[in-house]
Structure formats: structure tokens, C-alpha cells
Protein backbone atom coordinates (compact mmCIF):
# COMPACT_ATOMS: atom_id res chain seq x y z
CA LEU A 1 10.20 15.42 28.72
CA ILE A 2 11.51 18.95 28.33
CA ALA A 3 9.34 20.23 31.10
CA THR A 4 10.84 17.47 33.52
CA HIS A 5 13.87 20.03 33.95
CA ALA A 6 14.15 23.78 34.54
CA CYS A 7 17.62 23.52 33.13
CA TRP A 8 19.24 21.27 30.67
CA SER A 9 22.83 20.94 30.30
CA ILE A 10 24.12 19.60 26.95
CA PRO A 11 26.11 17.33 26.37
CA GLU A 12 25.99 15.97 29.88
CA MET A 13 22.12 15.34 29.67
CA ASN A 14 22.06 13.93 25.99
CA ARG A 15 21.62 10.34 27.16
CA LEU A 16 18.64 11.33 29.17
CA LEU A 17 17.15 13.16 26.26
CA VAL A 18 17.65 10.31 23.88
CA GLU A 19 16.39 7.83 26.17
CA GLY A 20 13.52 9.75 26.91
CA ALA A 21 12.48 10.49 23.57
CA THR A 22 13.18 6.95 21.91
CA HIS A 23 12.37 4.49 24.73
CA PRO A 24 9.17 2.37 23.64
CA ASP A 25 7.52 3.01 26.80
CA CYS A 26 8.05 6.79 26.54
CA ILE A 27 6.74 6.53 22.98
CA ASN A 28 3.60 4.66 24.01
CA ARG A 29 2.93 7.21 26.71
CA LEU A 30 3.10 9.91 24.21
CA HIS A 31 0.88 8.09 21.77
CA ASP A 32 -1.59 7.71 24.74
CA GLU A 33 -1.36 11.59 25.36
CA LEU A 34 -1.60 12.60 21.56
CA GLY A 35 -4.28 10.42 20.65
CA PRO A 36 -4.91 7.64 17.96
CA ALA A 37 -3.73 9.80 14.96
CA TRP A 38 -0.27 9.51 16.33
CA LEU A 39 -0.25 6.01 16.98
CA SER A 40 -1.31 5.25 13.44
CA ALA A 41 1.43 7.65 12.03
CA HIS A 42 3.83 5.83 14.16
CA GLN A 43 2.66 2.34 12.78
CA ASP A 44 2.83 3.57 9.29
CA VAL A 45 6.63 4.71 9.81
CA LEU A 46 7.35 1.28 11.60
CA GLY A 47 5.70 -0.62 8.71
CA GLY A 48 7.38 1.29 5.98
CA GLU A 49 10.84 0.58 7.62
CA LEU A 50 10.04 -3.16 8.11
CA GLY A 51 8.95 -3.30 4.58
CA GLU A 52 12.27 -1.56 3.39
CA ARG A 53 14.25 -4.14 5.61
CA LEU A 54 12.62 -7.16 4.30
CA THR A 55 13.11 -5.91 0.75
CA ALA A 56 16.75 -5.53 1.28
CA LEU A 57 17.01 -8.83 2.97
CA ALA A 58 15.47 -10.51 0.08
CA VAL A 59 18.05 -9.33 -2.25
CA LEU A 60 20.95 -9.44 0.11
CA ILE A 61 24.22 -10.84 -1.29
CA ASP A 62 25.84 -13.60 1.10
CA ARG A 63 29.41 -12.64 0.71
CA THR A 64 30.49 -15.77 2.61
CA LYS A 65 29.62 -17.92 -0.71
CA PRO A 66 31.83 -18.14 -3.47
CA PHE A 67 31.15 -15.77 -6.12
CA GLU A 68 30.40 -18.37 -8.90
CA SER A 69 27.65 -19.92 -6.65
CA LEU A 70 25.44 -16.63 -6.27
CA SER A 71 22.58 -16.20 -8.57
CA TYR A 72 20.12 -13.53 -9.47
CA PRO A 73 16.59 -13.66 -7.73
CA LYS A 74 14.46 -15.94 -9.43
CA GLY A 75 11.43 -14.65 -11.57
CA ALA A 76 11.84 -12.46 -14.68
CA GLU A 77 9.63 -9.82 -13.20
CA GLU A 78 11.65 -9.40 -10.26
CA ARG A 79 13.60 -6.05 -10.10
CA ILE A 80 16.26 -4.91 -7.52
CA ARG A 81 15.91 -1.27 -6.81
CA THR A 82 18.52 1.08 -5.17
CA ARG A 83 17.84 4.38 -3.81
CA LEU A 84 19.99 6.00 -6.52
CA GLY A 85 18.20 5.43 -9.87
CA GLU A 86 15.43 3.56 -8.05
CA ASP A 87 12.66 3.97 -10.95
CA ASN A 88 14.60 5.59 -13.74
CA ILE A 89 13.12 4.70 -17.24
CA ARG A 90 15.78 4.21 -19.95
CA VAL A 91 14.34 5.56 -23.22
CA GLU A 92 15.65 3.99 -26.25
CA ILE A 93 15.70 6.51 -29.37
CA ASP A 94 14.48 5.19 -32.54
CA GLU A 95 16.65 5.56 -35.71
CA PRO A 96 17.57 7.70 -37.34
CA TYR A 97 19.15 9.00 -34.39
CA PRO A 98 18.71 12.58 -34.02
CA ILE A 99 21.80 15.04 -33.46
CA GLY A 100 21.43 16.49 -30.10
CA PRO A 101 22.63 20.15 -29.02
CA PHE A 102 26.02 19.13 -28.54
CA GLY A 103 26.59 17.67 -31.99
CA GLN A 104 26.39 14.00 -30.86
CA GLN A 105 23.81 11.38 -31.85
CA ILE A 106 21.12 10.80 -29.15
CA THR A 107 20.73 7.11 -28.77
CA GLU A 108 19.16 6.70 -25.37
CA LEU A 109 18.04 9.14 -22.42
CA VAL A 110 17.36 8.34 -18.83
CA LEU A 111 14.17 9.72 -16.97
CA PRO A 112 14.71 10.35 -13.41
CA GLY A 113 12.53 8.21 -10.93
CA TRP A 114 10.71 11.07 -9.65
CA TRP A 115 9.36 11.78 -12.94
CA CYS A 116 8.41 8.17 -13.49
CA LYS A 117 5.92 7.25 -10.90
CA ASN A 118 2.80 7.28 -13.27
CA ILE A 119 4.62 6.05 -16.38
CA ALA A 120 4.24 2.15 -17.00
CA VAL A 121 7.64 0.67 -17.93
CA ASP A 122 5.96 -1.15 -20.82
CA ASN A 123 4.43 2.03 -22.26
CA ALA A 124 6.41 2.36 -25.70
CA LEU A 125 7.90 5.57 -26.89
CA ILE A 126 4.83 6.83 -28.72
CA SER A 127 6.32 9.67 -30.78
CA GLN A 128 9.61 11.60 -31.41
CA ARG A 129 10.63 14.38 -33.29
CA ALA A 130 14.01 16.26 -33.85
CA ILE A 131 13.61 19.86 -34.21
CA ASP A 132 16.56 22.39 -34.54
CA GLY A 133 18.71 20.46 -31.97
CA SER A 134 15.89 19.69 -29.69
CA LEU A 135 14.50 16.10 -29.31
CA LEU A 136 10.75 16.08 -28.52
CA PHE A 137 9.19 12.73 -27.39
CA SER A 138 6.16 11.44 -25.66
CA ILE A 139 5.61 8.39 -23.48
CA GLY A 140 1.92 7.81 -22.85
CA ASP A 141 0.54 11.23 -22.02
CA ASN A 142 3.88 12.40 -20.92
CA GLN A 143 5.78 14.68 -23.06
CA PHE A 144 9.54 15.42 -22.88
CA ARG A 145 12.05 17.63 -24.57
CA TYR A 146 16.00 17.17 -24.39
CA ASP A 147 17.83 20.34 -25.85
CA ARG A 148 20.75 22.70 -24.95
CA LEU A 149 18.75 23.57 -21.80
CA GLY A 150 18.85 19.74 -20.63
CA LEU A 151 16.01 17.27 -20.10
CA ARG A 152 12.68 18.70 -19.30
CA ARG A 153 9.19 17.06 -18.87
CA GLY A 154 5.99 18.59 -19.79
CA VAL A 155 7.74 20.76 -22.48
CA GLY A 156 7.26 19.99 -26.12
CA ASP A 157 5.11 20.18 -29.36
CA VAL A 158 5.50 16.47 -30.04
CA ASP A 159 2.02 16.12 -31.86
CA GLY A 160 1.29 19.54 -32.54
CA VAL A 161 0.20 20.54 -29.00
CA GLN A 162 2.39 23.17 -27.15
CA SER A 163 2.62 22.36 -23.43
CA SER A 164 4.26 24.40 -20.42
CA ASP A 165 7.72 25.35 -20.12
CA ARG A 166 8.42 25.40 -16.51
CA SER A 167 11.93 25.41 -15.10
CA ASP A 168 10.83 23.29 -11.91
CA HIS A 169 10.44 20.35 -14.71
CA GLN A 170 14.19 20.29 -15.77
CA VAL A 171 16.93 18.03 -14.77
């Protein structure tokens, strides 16, 4: 596309660039030129987008209906996810509630979704210990610490085994 003109004038030629890069015929020619790996990648992207759209349509609220006629989707196992807080896990802390680093009782913590991809929601809190203003806990094989530095994963001595203390594991 770029090679078709010796000189490009922007913004006058923006439409030509956009249509030349996004028109289905142009994309198909590009896939023919670049081979099956590009076609496969394109199909993966389109499939993902289609899946996201169908998922969104399944939980779409019909705002033309009266509020009292709306209902939550059927099925106890259904869960509506949003991008913000998509797969977060809310951890309820067992009593007696420990006192956190800021002098308040810790009754629950929320683990961010990007930490929770390999944690089953039904995994119970296996162990927890409060030590000097820190709460150490584990879910399955995953260890966490909440202290004055924040919530961190892979950091703790919950069951007598010290794990790494890397700052890239911190929220």
C-alpha cells in the first residue's frame, strides 16, 4: 500500500490509507501474499472478537423494558464479567480478624484478576497467619502477603517455607 505512491500527503490521503488497509479485499490479498500463518492469526482475532460480542449480547440489558421486568440470567453457575474486575477473587479472612498495617481489622481482600488465572474459585483459604502487622495466606499452592507494602503474591512464610520477595508481584 505504501509503495503505491511516491509521496503521501496527510491528512488529505488518510481515507485512501484507511480503506486500503481495512477493506476485506485488501486484507485477503495481504493474506494471500503473506501466507497461511497470517490468515490463521486474522481468523483468531476475528473469532475472539465474535466471541466477546456474543458474550456481551447474552447479558445485554434491554433498557426499553420496565426495570421490574428485568432478571438475572438463568443458571446458578453463570457469571457476568466485566473488563474491570473480570476475574478478581474476593478472599474472606477467618476470625479472629487480624489487625492490618494501618490499625484496622482485615475482614477481606480482593486478589486482582491477572493473579487469579490459575486459582480455582472454589479453592478454600488453606491457611492464614498474622505476623507483626502482616497477613500471610495461601489459596491452593499460591501464597500471598498483605502488609504496609500492599498486597503481594509469592511472598510469605505461611507454612514455614519462605518464598520470593519480588516487587513485580505487588499491587
